[in-house]
Amino acid sequence: MPSIAQIGAAVEKSFVMEDWHLIGPDYDRTLMAWFENFDSGWDRLKAKYGERFYRLWKYYLLYCAGSFRARHVQLWQIVFSKHGVPGGYEPVR
């Protein structure tokens, strides 16, 4: 994943950064909700996908959630404009 510096260097001559919002803590909760849905629905899926798939997908979802929670991985929502938003950008959160 690109760093903040790499993103900035890639866009600084072409775009105006209007908003930069960290959504990693929210993504941790999203991943945990996905896991809970997956785990609670597993009985309906296991005949089609098997235990190996269950273990891999469980590991992936929980590993990713833990990485966001520990702040080892970041996820941003970035809004760019070509020439700036007249009157300024109003973020929706």
PDB file of N, CA and C in Angstrom:
ATOM      1  N   MET A   1       0.835  -1.165   0.000  1.00  0.00           N
ATOM      2  CA  MET A   1       0.000   0.000   0.000  1.00  0.00           C
ATOM      3  C   MET A   1       0.887   1.238   0.000  1.00  0.00           C
ATOM      4  N   PRO A   2       0.494   2.245  -0.729  1.00  0.00           N
ATOM      5  CA  PRO A   2       1.323   3.451  -0.775  1.00  0.00           C
ATOM      6  C   PRO A   2       1.270   4.217   0.546  1.00  0.00           C
ATOM      7  N   SER A   3       2.359   4.877   0.846  1.00  0.00           N
ATOM      8  CA  SER A   3       2.422   5.699   2.053  1.00  0.00           C
ATOM      9  C   SER A   3       1.779   7.057   1.777  1.00  0.00           C
ATOM     10  N   ILE A   4       1.590   7.827   2.832  1.00  0.00           N
ATOM     11  CA  ILE A   4       1.068   9.186   2.684  1.00  0.00           C
ATOM     12  C   ILE A   4       1.988   9.994   1.771  1.00  0.00           C
ATOM     13  N   ALA A   5       3.286   9.862   1.960  1.00  0.00           N
ATOM     14  CA  ALA A   5       4.252  10.597   1.140  1.00  0.00           C
ATOM     15  C   ALA A   5       4.157  10.195  -0.328  1.00  0.00           C
ATOM     16  N   GLN A   6       4.007   8.915  -0.592  1.00  0.00           N
ATOM     17  CA  GLN A   6       3.906   8.452  -1.981  1.00  0.00           C
ATOM     18  C   GLN A   6       2.624   8.951  -2.644  1.00  0.00           C
ATOM     19  N   ILE A   7       1.541   8.939  -1.910  1.00  0.00           N
ATOM     20  CA  ILE A   7       0.288   9.457  -2.466  1.00  0.00           C
ATOM     21  C   ILE A   7       0.432  10.942  -2.759  1.00  0.00           C
ATOM     22  N   GLY A   8       0.973  11.685  -1.810  1.00  0.00           N
ATOM     23  CA  GLY A   8       1.160  13.126  -1.999  1.00  0.00           C
ATOM     24  C   GLY A   8       2.041  13.439  -3.189  1.00  0.00           C
ATOM     25  N   ALA A   9       3.139  12.740  -3.318  1.00  0.00           N
ATOM     26  CA  ALA A   9       4.056  12.979  -4.441  1.00  0.00           C
ATOM     27  C   ALA A   9       3.391  12.646  -5.776  1.00  0.00           C
ATOM     28  N   ALA A  10       2.539  11.638  -5.801  1.00  0.00           N
ATOM     29  CA  ALA A  10       1.907  11.224  -7.045  1.00  0.00           C
ATOM     30  C   ALA A  10       0.836  12.208  -7.519  1.00  0.00           C
ATOM     31  N   VAL A  11       0.235  12.946  -6.598  1.00  0.00           N
ATOM     32  CA  VAL A  11      -0.895  13.797  -6.984  1.00  0.00           C
ATOM     33  C   VAL A  11      -0.634  15.296  -6.866  1.00  0.00           C
ATOM     34  N   GLU A  12       0.450  15.700  -6.232  1.00  0.00           N
ATOM     35  CA  GLU A  12       0.626  17.109  -5.889  1.00  0.00           C
ATOM     36  C   GLU A  12       0.635  18.065  -7.074  1.00  0.00           C
ATOM     37  N   LYS A  13       1.031  17.638  -8.232  1.00  0.00           N
ATOM     38  CA  LYS A  13       1.076  18.533  -9.389  1.00  0.00           C
ATOM     39  C   LYS A  13      -0.196  18.472 -10.230  1.00  0.00           C
ATOM     40  N   SER A  14      -1.083  17.548  -9.909  1.00  0.00           N
ATOM     41  CA  SER A  14      -2.276  17.355 -10.741  1.00  0.00           C
ATOM     42  C   SER A  14      -3.599  17.605 -10.035  1.00  0.00           C
ATOM     43  N   PHE A  15      -3.610  17.515  -8.709  1.00  0.00           N
ATOM     44  CA  PHE A  15      -4.876  17.598  -7.987  1.00  0.00           C
ATOM     45  C   PHE A  15      -4.743  18.440  -6.730  1.00  0.00           C
ATOM     46  N   VAL A  16      -5.891  18.917  -6.257  1.00  0.00           N
ATOM     47  CA  VAL A  16      -5.997  19.567  -4.956  1.00  0.00           C
ATOM     48  C   VAL A  16      -6.604  18.535  -4.010  1.00  0.00           C
ATOM     49  N   MET A  17      -5.963  18.335  -2.875  1.00  0.00           N
ATOM     50  CA  MET A  17      -6.503  17.411  -1.895  1.00  0.00           C
ATOM     51  C   MET A  17      -7.541  18.182  -1.082  1.00  0.00           C
ATOM     52  N   GLU A  18      -8.791  17.778  -1.210  1.00  0.00           N
ATOM     53  CA  GLU A  18      -9.895  18.478  -0.550  1.00  0.00           C
ATOM     54  C   GLU A  18     -10.172  17.921   0.842  1.00  0.00           C
ATOM     55  N   ASP A  19      -9.980  16.618   1.010  1.00  0.00           N
ATOM     56  CA  ASP A  19     -10.273  15.995   2.295  1.00  0.00           C
ATOM     57  C   ASP A  19      -9.488  14.698   2.403  1.00  0.00           C
ATOM     58  N   TRP A  20      -9.022  14.399   3.594  1.00  0.00           N
ATOM     59  CA  TRP A  20      -8.286  13.174   3.866  1.00  0.00           C
ATOM     60  C   TRP A  20      -8.809  12.651   5.194  1.00  0.00           C
ATOM     61  N   HIS A  21      -9.461  11.521   5.164  1.00  0.00           N
ATOM     62  CA  HIS A  21     -10.115  11.008   6.365  1.00  0.00           C
ATOM     63  C   HIS A  21      -9.677   9.569   6.627  1.00  0.00           C
ATOM     64  N   LEU A  22      -9.219   9.316   7.835  1.00  0.00           N
ATOM     65  CA  LEU A  22      -8.826   7.972   8.251  1.00  0.00           C
ATOM     66  C   LEU A  22     -10.074   7.156   8.550  1.00  0.00           C
ATOM     67  N   ILE A  23     -10.258   6.046   7.824  1.00  0.00           N
ATOM     68  CA  ILE A  23     -11.417   5.190   8.082  1.00  0.00           C
ATOM     69  C   ILE A  23     -11.009   3.792   8.556  1.00  0.00           C
ATOM     70  N   GLY A  24      -9.737   3.614   8.880  1.00  0.00           N
ATOM     71  CA  GLY A  24      -9.267   2.317   9.357  1.00  0.00           C
ATOM     72  C   GLY A  24      -9.989   1.817  10.589  1.00  0.00           C
ATOM     73  N   PRO A  25     -10.198   2.667  11.629  1.00  0.00           N
ATOM     74  CA  PRO A  25     -10.939   2.182  12.798  1.00  0.00           C
ATOM     75  C   PRO A  25     -12.356   1.722  12.439  1.00  0.00           C
ATOM     76  N   ASP A  26     -12.992   2.388  11.501  1.00  0.00           N
ATOM     77  CA  ASP A  26     -14.311   1.958  11.042  1.00  0.00           C
ATOM     78  C   ASP A  26     -14.203   0.643  10.276  1.00  0.00           C
ATOM     79  N   TYR A  27     -13.128   0.469   9.532  1.00  0.00           N
ATOM     80  CA  TYR A  27     -12.960  -0.743   8.737  1.00  0.00           C
ATOM     81  C   TYR A  27     -12.732  -1.957   9.630  1.00  0.00           C
ATOM     82  N   ASP A  28     -12.099  -1.757  10.775  1.00  0.00           N
ATOM     83  CA  ASP A  28     -11.960  -2.831  11.763  1.00  0.00           C
ATOM     84  C   ASP A  28     -13.350  -3.345  12.131  1.00  0.00           C
ATOM     85  N   ARG A  29     -14.258  -2.445  12.461  1.00  0.00           N
ATOM     86  CA  ARG A  29     -15.617  -2.846  12.823  1.00  0.00           C
ATOM     87  C   ARG A  29     -16.339  -3.507  11.650  1.00  0.00           C
ATOM     88  N   THR A  30     -16.104  -3.004  10.450  1.00  0.00           N
ATOM     89  CA  THR A  30     -16.723  -3.599   9.256  1.00  0.00           C
ATOM     90  C   THR A  30     -16.254  -5.040   9.078  1.00  0.00           C
ATOM     91  N   LEU A  31     -14.952  -5.264   9.184  1.00  0.00           N
ATOM     92  CA  LEU A  31     -14.407  -6.615   9.041  1.00  0.00           C
ATOM     93  C   LEU A  31     -14.954  -7.558  10.108  1.00  0.00           C
ATOM     94  N   MET A  32     -15.102  -7.064  11.327  1.00  0.00           N
ATOM     95  CA  MET A  32     -15.647  -7.907  12.392  1.00  0.00           C
ATOM     96  C   MET A  32     -17.118  -8.253  12.114  1.00  0.00           C
ATOM     97  N   ALA A  33     -17.873  -7.305  11.587  1.00  0.00           N
ATOM     98  CA  ALA A  33     -19.267  -7.587  11.224  1.00  0.00           C
ATOM     99  C   ALA A  33     -19.325  -8.600  10.093  1.00  0.00           C
ATOM    100  N   TRP A  34     -18.429  -8.468   9.116  1.00  0.00           N
ATOM    101  CA  TRP A  34     -18.367  -9.452   8.024  1.00  0.00           C
ATOM    102  C   TRP A  34     -18.066 -10.841   8.577  1.00  0.00           C
ATOM    103  N   PHE A  35     -17.097 -10.910   9.501  1.00  0.00           N
ATOM    104  CA  PHE A  35     -16.760 -12.203  10.080  1.00  0.00           C
ATOM    105  C   PHE A  35     -17.952 -12.788  10.839  1.00  0.00           C
ATOM    106  N   GLU A  36     -18.624 -11.975  11.647  1.00  0.00           N
ATOM    107  CA  GLU A  36     -19.775 -12.469  12.400  1.00  0.00           C
ATOM    108  C   GLU A  36     -20.858 -13.007  11.455  1.00  0.00           C
ATOM    109  N   ASN A  37     -21.111 -12.289  10.362  1.00  0.00           N
ATOM    110  CA  ASN A  37     -22.098 -12.770   9.378  1.00  0.00           C
ATOM    111  C   ASN A  37     -21.636 -14.065   8.726  1.00  0.00           C
ATOM    112  N   PHE A  38     -20.372 -14.110   8.346  1.00  0.00           N
ATOM    113  CA  PHE A  38     -19.800 -15.307   7.721  1.00  0.00           C
ATOM    114  C   PHE A  38     -19.880 -16.497   8.679  1.00  0.00           C
ATOM    115  N   ASP A  39     -19.450 -16.282   9.908  1.00  0.00           N
ATOM    116  CA  ASP A  39     -19.408 -17.360  10.892  1.00  0.00           C
ATOM    117  C   ASP A  39     -20.817 -17.853  11.228  1.00  0.00           C
ATOM    118  N   SER A  40     -21.749 -16.935  11.406  1.00  0.00           N
ATOM    119  CA  SER A  40     -23.111 -17.357  11.758  1.00  0.00           C
ATOM    120  C   SER A  40     -23.821 -18.051  10.589  1.00  0.00           C
ATOM    121  N   GLY A  41     -23.408 -17.768   9.357  1.00  0.00           N
ATOM    122  CA  GLY A  41     -24.014 -18.408   8.200  1.00  0.00           C
ATOM    123  C   GLY A  41     -23.236 -19.598   7.666  1.00  0.00           C
ATOM    124  N   TRP A  42     -22.174 -19.985   8.371  1.00  0.00           N
ATOM    125  CA  TRP A  42     -21.297 -21.023   7.859  1.00  0.00           C
ATOM    126  C   TRP A  42     -22.010 -22.357   7.645  1.00  0.00           C
ATOM    127  N   ASP A  43     -22.938 -22.704   8.511  1.00  0.00           N
ATOM    128  CA  ASP A  43     -23.632 -23.997   8.356  1.00  0.00           C
ATOM    129  C   ASP A  43     -24.300 -24.118   6.989  1.00  0.00           C
ATOM    130  N   ARG A  44     -24.776 -23.009   6.440  1.00  0.00           N
ATOM    131  CA  ARG A  44     -25.417 -23.041   5.118  1.00  0.00           C
ATOM    132  C   ARG A  44     -24.394 -23.107   3.985  1.00  0.00           C
ATOM    133  N   LEU A  45     -23.149 -22.771   4.262  1.00  0.00           N
ATOM    134  CA  LEU A  45     -22.129 -22.676   3.214  1.00  0.00           C
ATOM    135  C   LEU A  45     -21.129 -23.827   3.196  1.00  0.00           C
ATOM    136  N   LYS A  46     -20.953 -24.494   4.327  1.00  0.00           N
ATOM    137  CA  LYS A  46     -19.827 -25.421   4.455  1.00  0.00           C
ATOM    138  C   LYS A  46     -19.842 -26.577   3.463  1.00  0.00           C
ATOM    139  N   ALA A  47     -20.994 -27.056   3.067  1.00  0.00           N
ATOM    140  CA  ALA A  47     -21.036 -28.162   2.100  1.00  0.00           C
ATOM    141  C   ALA A  47     -20.473 -27.731   0.752  1.00  0.00           C
ATOM    142  N   LYS A  48     -20.645 -26.486   0.418  1.00  0.00           N
ATOM    143  CA  LYS A  48     -20.173 -25.972  -0.873  1.00  0.00           C
ATOM    144  C   LYS A  48     -18.692 -25.582  -0.837  1.00  0.00           C
ATOM    145  N   TYR A  49     -18.220 -25.061   0.304  1.00  0.00           N
ATOM    146  CA  TYR A  49     -16.867 -24.494   0.349  1.00  0.00           C
ATOM    147  C   TYR A  49     -15.849 -25.291   1.153  1.00  0.00           C
ATOM    148  N   GLY A  50     -16.248 -26.025   2.160  1.00  0.00           N
ATOM    149  CA  GLY A  50     -15.323 -26.861   2.916  1.00  0.00           C
ATOM    150  C   GLY A  50     -14.586 -26.145   4.026  1.00  0.00           C
ATOM    151  N   GLU A  51     -14.019 -26.951   4.908  1.00  0.00           N
ATOM    152  CA  GLU A  51     -13.335 -26.432   6.099  1.00  0.00           C
ATOM    153  C   GLU A  51     -12.092 -25.619   5.778  1.00  0.00           C
ATOM    154  N   ARG A  52     -11.374 -25.980   4.747  1.00  0.00           N
ATOM    155  CA  ARG A  52     -10.162 -25.219   4.378  1.00  0.00           C
ATOM    156  C   ARG A  52     -10.529 -23.772   4.042  1.00  0.00           C
ATOM    157  N   PHE A  53     -11.582 -23.589   3.250  1.00  0.00           N
ATOM    158  CA  PHE A  53     -12.029 -22.245   2.911  1.00  0.00           C
ATOM    159  C   PHE A  53     -12.426 -21.486   4.174  1.00  0.00           C
ATOM    160  N   TYR A  54     -13.138 -22.159   5.077  1.00  0.00           N
ATOM    161  CA  TYR A  54     -13.550 -21.515   6.328  1.00  0.00           C
ATOM    162  C   TYR A  54     -12.338 -21.003   7.103  1.00  0.00           C
ATOM    163  N   ARG A  55     -11.337 -21.844   7.258  1.00  0.00           N
ATOM    164  CA  ARG A  55     -10.133 -21.452   8.005  1.00  0.00           C
ATOM    165  C   ARG A  55      -9.410 -20.288   7.333  1.00  0.00           C
ATOM    166  N   LEU A  56      -9.286 -20.345   6.006  1.00  0.00           N
ATOM    167  CA  LEU A  56      -8.599 -19.264   5.283  1.00  0.00           C
ATOM    168  C   LEU A  56      -9.355 -17.944   5.394  1.00  0.00           C
ATOM    169  N   TRP A  57     -10.653 -17.996   5.185  1.00  0.00           N
ATOM    170  CA  TRP A  57     -11.445 -16.762   5.203  1.00  0.00           C
ATOM    171  C   TRP A  57     -11.522 -16.193   6.611  1.00  0.00           C
ATOM    172  N   LYS A  58     -11.655 -17.060   7.630  1.00  0.00           N
ATOM    173  CA  LYS A  58     -11.655 -16.625   9.028  1.00  0.00           C
ATOM    174  C   LYS A  58     -10.324 -15.950   9.359  1.00  0.00           C
ATOM    175  N   TYR A  59      -9.232 -16.581   8.985  1.00  0.00           N
ATOM    176  CA  TYR A  59      -7.916 -16.002   9.233  1.00  0.00           C
ATOM    177  C   TYR A  59      -7.787 -14.644   8.557  1.00  0.00           C
ATOM    178  N   TYR A  60      -8.167 -14.571   7.296  1.00  0.00           N
ATOM    179  CA  TYR A  60      -8.052 -13.315   6.543  1.00  0.00           C
ATOM    180  C   TYR A  60      -8.854 -12.191   7.203  1.00  0.00           C
ATOM    181  N   LEU A  61     -10.123 -12.433   7.494  1.00  0.00           N
ATOM    182  CA  LEU A  61     -10.956 -11.379   8.073  1.00  0.00           C
ATOM    183  C   LEU A  61     -10.455 -10.934   9.437  1.00  0.00           C
ATOM    184  N   LEU A  62     -10.104 -11.887  10.292  1.00  0.00           N
ATOM    185  CA  LEU A  62      -9.644 -11.533  11.635  1.00  0.00           C
ATOM    186  C   LEU A  62      -8.251 -10.931  11.629  1.00  0.00           C
ATOM    187  N   TYR A  63      -7.375 -11.405  10.750  1.00  0.00           N
ATOM    188  CA  TYR A  63      -6.038 -10.818  10.621  1.00  0.00           C
ATOM    189  C   TYR A  63      -6.143  -9.360  10.172  1.00  0.00           C
ATOM    190  N   CYS A  64      -6.964  -9.112   9.165  1.00  0.00           N
ATOM    191  CA  CYS A  64      -7.134  -7.738   8.673  1.00  0.00           C
ATOM    192  C   CYS A  64      -7.727  -6.839   9.751  1.00  0.00           C
ATOM    193  N   ALA A  65      -8.751  -7.316  10.451  1.00  0.00           N
ATOM    194  CA  ALA A  65      -9.349  -6.512  11.520  1.00  0.00           C
ATOM    195  C   ALA A  65      -8.310  -6.198  12.597  1.00  0.00           C
ATOM    196  N   GLY A  66      -7.530  -7.192  12.981  1.00  0.00           N
ATOM    197  CA  GLY A  66      -6.484  -6.969  13.980  1.00  0.00           C
ATOM    198  C   GLY A  66      -5.418  -5.993  13.513  1.00  0.00           C
ATOM    199  N   SER A  67      -5.089  -6.041  12.239  1.00  0.00           N
ATOM    200  CA  SER A  67      -4.090  -5.120  11.691  1.00  0.00           C
ATOM    201  C   SER A  67      -4.577  -3.676  11.743  1.00  0.00           C
ATOM    202  N   PHE A  68      -5.860  -3.467  11.432  1.00  0.00           N
ATOM    203  CA  PHE A  68      -6.425  -2.116  11.538  1.00  0.00           C
ATOM    204  C   PHE A  68      -6.498  -1.680  12.996  1.00  0.00           C
ATOM    205  N   ARG A  69      -6.909  -2.591  13.857  1.00  0.00           N
ATOM    206  CA  ARG A  69      -7.043  -2.263  15.280  1.00  0.00           C
ATOM    207  C   ARG A  69      -5.698  -1.894  15.888  1.00  0.00           C
ATOM    208  N   ALA A  70      -4.642  -2.595  15.497  1.00  0.00           N
ATOM    209  CA  ALA A  70      -3.298  -2.324  16.019  1.00  0.00           C
ATOM    210  C   ALA A  70      -2.619  -1.163  15.301  1.00  0.00           C
ATOM    211  N   ARG A  71      -3.282  -0.616  14.294  1.00  0.00           N
ATOM    212  CA  ARG A  71      -2.779   0.507  13.490  1.00  0.00           C
ATOM    213  C   ARG A  71      -1.537   0.132  12.677  1.00  0.00           C
ATOM    214  N   HIS A  72      -1.437  -1.139  12.322  1.00  0.00           N
ATOM    215  CA  HIS A  72      -0.363  -1.585  11.433  1.00  0.00           C
ATOM    216  C   HIS A  72      -0.716  -1.301   9.988  1.00  0.00           C
ATOM    217  N   VAL A  73      -2.011  -1.172   9.715  1.00  0.00           N
ATOM    218  CA  VAL A  73      -2.515  -0.891   8.376  1.00  0.00           C
ATOM    219  C   VAL A  73      -3.445   0.304   8.489  1.00  0.00           C
ATOM    220  N   GLN A  74      -3.352   1.200   7.533  1.00  0.00           N
ATOM    221  CA  GLN A  74      -4.222   2.377   7.518  1.00  0.00           C
ATOM    222  C   GLN A  74      -5.080   2.353   6.260  1.00  0.00           C
ATOM    223  N   LEU A  75      -6.238   2.931   6.358  1.00  0.00           N
ATOM    224  CA  LEU A  75      -7.119   3.064   5.207  1.00  0.00           C
ATOM    225  C   LEU A  75      -7.690   4.467   5.234  1.00  0.00           C
ATOM    226  N   TRP A  76      -7.532   5.157   4.118  1.00  0.00           N
ATOM    227  CA  TRP A  76      -8.000   6.533   4.037  1.00  0.00           C
ATOM    228  C   TRP A  76      -9.033   6.682   2.933  1.00  0.00           C
ATOM    229  N   GLN A  77      -9.920   7.621   3.140  1.00  0.00           N
ATOM    230  CA  GLN A  77     -10.795   8.076   2.069  1.00  0.00           C
ATOM    231  C   GLN A  77     -10.287   9.465   1.716  1.00  0.00           C
ATOM    232  N   ILE A  78      -9.869   9.630   0.479  1.00  0.00           N
ATOM    233  CA  ILE A  78      -9.272  10.897   0.044  1.00  0.00           C
ATOM    234  C   ILE A  78     -10.128  11.472  -1.076  1.00  0.00           C
ATOM    235  N   VAL A  79     -10.411  12.749  -0.956  1.00  0.00           N
ATOM    236  CA  VAL A  79     -11.173  13.435  -1.995  1.00  0.00           C
ATOM    237  C   VAL A  79     -10.232  14.420  -2.682  1.00  0.00           C
ATOM    238  N   PHE A  80     -10.099  14.265  -3.988  1.00  0.00           N
ATOM    239  CA  PHE A  80      -9.281  15.170  -4.797  1.00  0.00           C
ATOM    240  C   PHE A  80     -10.182  15.909  -5.783  1.00  0.00           C
ATOM    241  N   SER A  81      -9.744  17.096  -6.155  1.00  0.00           N
ATOM    242  CA  SER A  81     -10.395  17.804  -7.259  1.00  0.00           C
ATOM    243  C   SER A  81      -9.301  18.272  -8.211  1.00  0.00           C
ATOM    244  N   LYS A  82      -9.692  18.559  -9.411  1.00  0.00           N
ATOM    245  CA  LYS A  82      -8.708  18.963 -10.419  1.00  0.00           C
ATOM    246  C   LYS A  82      -8.195  20.382 -10.168  1.00  0.00           C
ATOM    247  N   HIS A  83      -9.094  21.294  -9.822  1.00  0.00           N
ATOM    248  CA  HIS A  83      -8.683  22.701  -9.659  1.00  0.00           C
ATOM    249  C   HIS A  83      -9.182  23.311  -8.356  1.00  0.00           C
ATOM    250  N   GLY A  84      -9.673  22.515  -7.453  1.00  0.00           N
ATOM    251  CA  GLY A  84     -10.244  23.028  -6.213  1.00  0.00           C
ATOM    252  C   GLY A  84     -11.745  23.195  -6.362  1.00  0.00           C
ATOM    253  N   VAL A  85     -12.446  23.015  -5.268  1.00  0.00           N
ATOM    254  CA  VAL A  85     -13.905  23.152  -5.283  1.00  0.00           C
ATOM    255  C   VAL A  85     -14.247  24.603  -4.976  1.00  0.00           C
ATOM    256  N   PRO A  86     -14.950  25.284  -5.881  1.00  0.00           N
ATOM    257  CA  PRO A  86     -15.326  26.683  -5.615  1.00  0.00           C
ATOM    258  C   PRO A  86     -16.111  26.800  -4.305  1.00  0.00           C
ATOM    259  N   GLY A  87     -15.680  27.666  -3.440  1.00  0.00           N
ATOM    260  CA  GLY A  87     -16.333  27.832  -2.144  1.00  0.00           C
ATOM    261  C   GLY A  87     -15.884  26.833  -1.093  1.00  0.00           C
ATOM    262  N   GLY A  88     -15.039  25.903  -1.476  1.00  0.00           N
ATOM    263  CA  GLY A  88     -14.520  24.918  -0.533  1.00  0.00           C
ATOM    264  C   GLY A  88     -15.314  23.634  -0.533  1.00  0.00           C
ATOM    265  N   TYR A  89     -14.664  22.588  -0.143  1.00  0.00           N
ATOM    266  CA  TYR A  89     -15.272  21.262  -0.083  1.00  0.00           C
ATOM    267  C   TYR A  89     -15.900  21.045   1.275  1.00  0.00           C
ATOM    268  N   GLU A  90     -17.112  20.531   1.312  1.00  0.00           N
ATOM    269  CA  GLU A  90     -17.806  20.210   2.564  1.00  0.00           C
ATOM    270  C   GLU A  90     -17.816  18.691   2.740  1.00  0.00           C
ATOM    271  N   PRO A  91     -16.995  18.151   3.648  1.00  0.00           N
ATOM    272  CA  PRO A  91     -16.985  16.701   3.831  1.00  0.00           C
ATOM    273  C   PRO A  91     -18.288  16.212   4.469  1.00  0.00           C
ATOM    274  N   VAL A  92     -18.717  15.038   4.055  1.00  0.00           N
ATOM    275  CA  VAL A  92     -19.897  14.403   4.619  1.00  0.00           C
ATOM    276  C   VAL A  92     -19.424  13.246   5.479  1.00  0.00           C
ATOM    277  N   ARG A  93     -19.703  13.315   6.758  1.00  0.00           N
ATOM    278  CA  ARG A  93     -19.264  12.258   7.683  1.00  0.00           C
ATOM    279  C   ARG A  93     -20.391  11.860   8.576  1.00  0.00           C
TER     280      ARG A  93
END
